[in-house]
Amino acid sequence: MNHKTNQARPVTAVEAQANRTLAQAHLRMGTADLTETDAATLSIHLAAQLSNLSDDQRRLRRRDLALVTHDLEALVEALETELGQLAGELKALNHRTDAARAYGAAKNVVALRRP
């Protein structure tokens, strides 16, 4: 009987970057919930927060929001790169699988002899 163990899978560099970036975004955003809302709702929420702040606090908050935006854009770029690499690996694996399947089928073909 073949049992799989429940071993933890190692976290990739991109997963670690995503976790770190999202955690930092949560800290900088304060009460804004980044997981339950869409971009439009989040924008409305943040605009309401900004409107209630003094000019100095608003400038600081905008700086924090700019940092979060920059970090999230870098994360999106890293995830897109990772996705491209995974797609390439999957394509190569499918090609090797197809080649192996074709080779296996060719071995089973009986050679025809001409008289």
Protein backbone atom coordinates (compact mmCIF):
# COMPACT_ATOMS: atom_id res chain seq x y z
CA MET A 1 0.00 0.00 0.00
CA ASN A 2 1.34 3.41 -0.92
CA HIS A 3 0.67 6.21 1.58
CA LYS A 4 1.58 9.83 1.04
CA THR A 5 2.90 11.61 4.07
CA ASN A 6 1.59 15.02 5.07
CA GLN A 7 4.92 16.75 4.83
CA ALA A 8 5.02 20.50 4.45
CA ARG A 9 5.96 21.63 0.98
CA PRO A 10 8.87 24.08 0.95
CA VAL A 11 7.85 27.68 0.31
CA THR A 12 9.21 29.11 -2.92
CA ALA A 13 10.93 32.49 -3.06
CA VAL A 14 7.93 34.01 -4.84
CA GLU A 15 5.51 32.62 -2.23
CA ALA A 16 7.66 34.07 0.53
CA GLN A 17 7.76 37.41 -1.29
CA ALA A 18 3.97 37.34 -1.69
CA ASN A 19 3.43 36.58 2.00
CA ARG A 20 5.86 39.29 3.06
CA THR A 21 4.42 41.91 0.68
CA LEU A 22 0.83 41.21 1.67
CA ALA A 23 1.70 41.29 5.37
CA GLN A 24 3.44 44.65 4.93
CA ALA A 25 0.48 45.94 2.93
CA HIS A 26 -1.89 44.91 5.72
CA LEU A 27 0.26 46.74 8.27
CA ARG A 28 0.44 49.91 6.16
CA MET A 29 -3.22 49.89 5.19
CA GLY A 30 -4.45 49.71 8.75
CA THR A 31 -8.08 48.65 8.89
CA ALA A 32 -8.44 48.09 5.14
CA ASP A 33 -9.15 44.43 4.48
CA LEU A 34 -7.26 43.47 1.34
CA THR A 35 -8.66 39.97 1.11
CA GLU A 36 -12.39 40.58 1.21
CA THR A 37 -12.85 43.57 -1.04
CA ASP A 38 -12.35 44.49 -4.65
CA ALA A 39 -10.23 47.39 -5.87
CA ALA A 40 -13.16 49.80 -6.30
CA THR A 41 -14.45 49.21 -2.76
CA LEU A 42 -10.95 49.52 -1.36
CA SER A 43 -10.42 52.81 -3.23
CA ILE A 44 -13.65 54.23 -1.79
CA HIS A 45 -12.67 53.12 1.69
CA LEU A 46 -9.20 54.68 1.41
CA ALA A 47 -10.57 57.93 -0.04
CA ALA A 48 -12.93 58.21 2.93
CA GLN A 49 -10.01 57.63 5.30
CA LEU A 50 -7.94 60.30 3.56
CA SER A 51 -10.75 62.87 3.64
CA ASN A 52 -10.92 62.64 7.43
CA LEU A 53 -7.20 63.29 7.98
CA SER A 54 -5.29 66.51 8.46
CA ASP A 55 -3.02 67.67 5.62
CA ASP A 56 0.12 66.30 7.31
CA GLN A 57 -1.50 62.97 8.10
CA ARG A 58 -2.90 62.79 4.57
CA ARG A 59 0.57 63.26 3.06
CA LEU A 60 1.98 60.49 5.26
CA ARG A 61 -0.92 58.20 4.41
CA ARG A 62 -0.50 58.86 0.68
CA ARG A 63 3.19 58.01 0.99
CA ASP A 64 2.29 54.72 2.70
CA LEU A 65 -0.27 53.97 -0.02
CA ALA A 66 2.31 54.71 -2.72
CA LEU A 67 4.72 52.27 -1.06
CA VAL A 68 2.04 49.59 -0.87
CA THR A 69 1.16 50.15 -4.53
CA HIS A 70 4.81 49.87 -5.55
CA ASP A 71 5.28 46.68 -3.53
CA LEU A 72 2.13 45.11 -4.96
CA GLU A 73 3.13 46.00 -8.52
CA ALA A 74 6.53 44.35 -7.93
CA LEU A 75 4.74 41.29 -6.56
CA VAL A 76 2.48 41.10 -9.63
CA GLU A 77 5.56 41.26 -11.86
CA ALA A 78 7.27 38.48 -9.90
CA LEU A 79 4.14 36.32 -10.03
CA GLU A 80 3.80 36.87 -13.79
CA THR A 81 7.43 35.83 -14.25
CA GLU A 82 6.85 32.72 -12.13
CA LEU A 83 3.71 31.91 -14.10
CA GLY A 84 5.63 32.20 -17.37
CA GLN A 85 8.33 29.86 -16.09
CA LEU A 86 5.77 27.33 -14.90
CA ALA A 87 3.97 27.47 -18.24
CA GLY A 88 7.26 26.80 -20.02
CA GLU A 89 8.02 23.86 -17.74
CA LEU A 90 4.54 22.43 -18.26
CA LYS A 91 4.86 22.76 -22.04
CA ALA A 92 8.23 20.98 -21.97
CA LEU A 93 6.81 18.22 -19.77
CA ASN A 94 3.86 17.73 -22.12
CA HIS A 95 6.26 17.55 -25.08
CA ARG A 96 8.38 14.90 -23.32
CA THR A 97 5.27 12.95 -22.33
CA ASP A 98 3.95 13.03 -25.90
CA ALA A 99 7.35 11.92 -27.21
CA ALA A 100 7.53 9.04 -24.73
CA ARG A 101 3.98 7.98 -25.58
CA ALA A 102 4.78 8.06 -29.31
CA TYR A 103 7.98 6.07 -28.76
CA GLY A 104 6.07 3.47 -26.73
CA ALA A 105 3.42 3.19 -29.43
CA ALA A 106 6.08 2.86 -32.14
CA LYS A 107 7.70 -0.06 -30.30
CA ASN A 108 4.43 -1.95 -30.48
CA VAL A 109 4.02 -1.55 -34.23
CA VAL A 110 4.96 -4.71 -36.14
CA ALA A 111 7.30 -3.95 -38.96
CA LEU A 112 5.82 -4.77 -42.34
CA ARG A 113 8.07 -6.70 -44.68
CA ARG A 114 7.90 -6.37 -48.38
CA PRO A 115 8.46 -9.49 -50.41
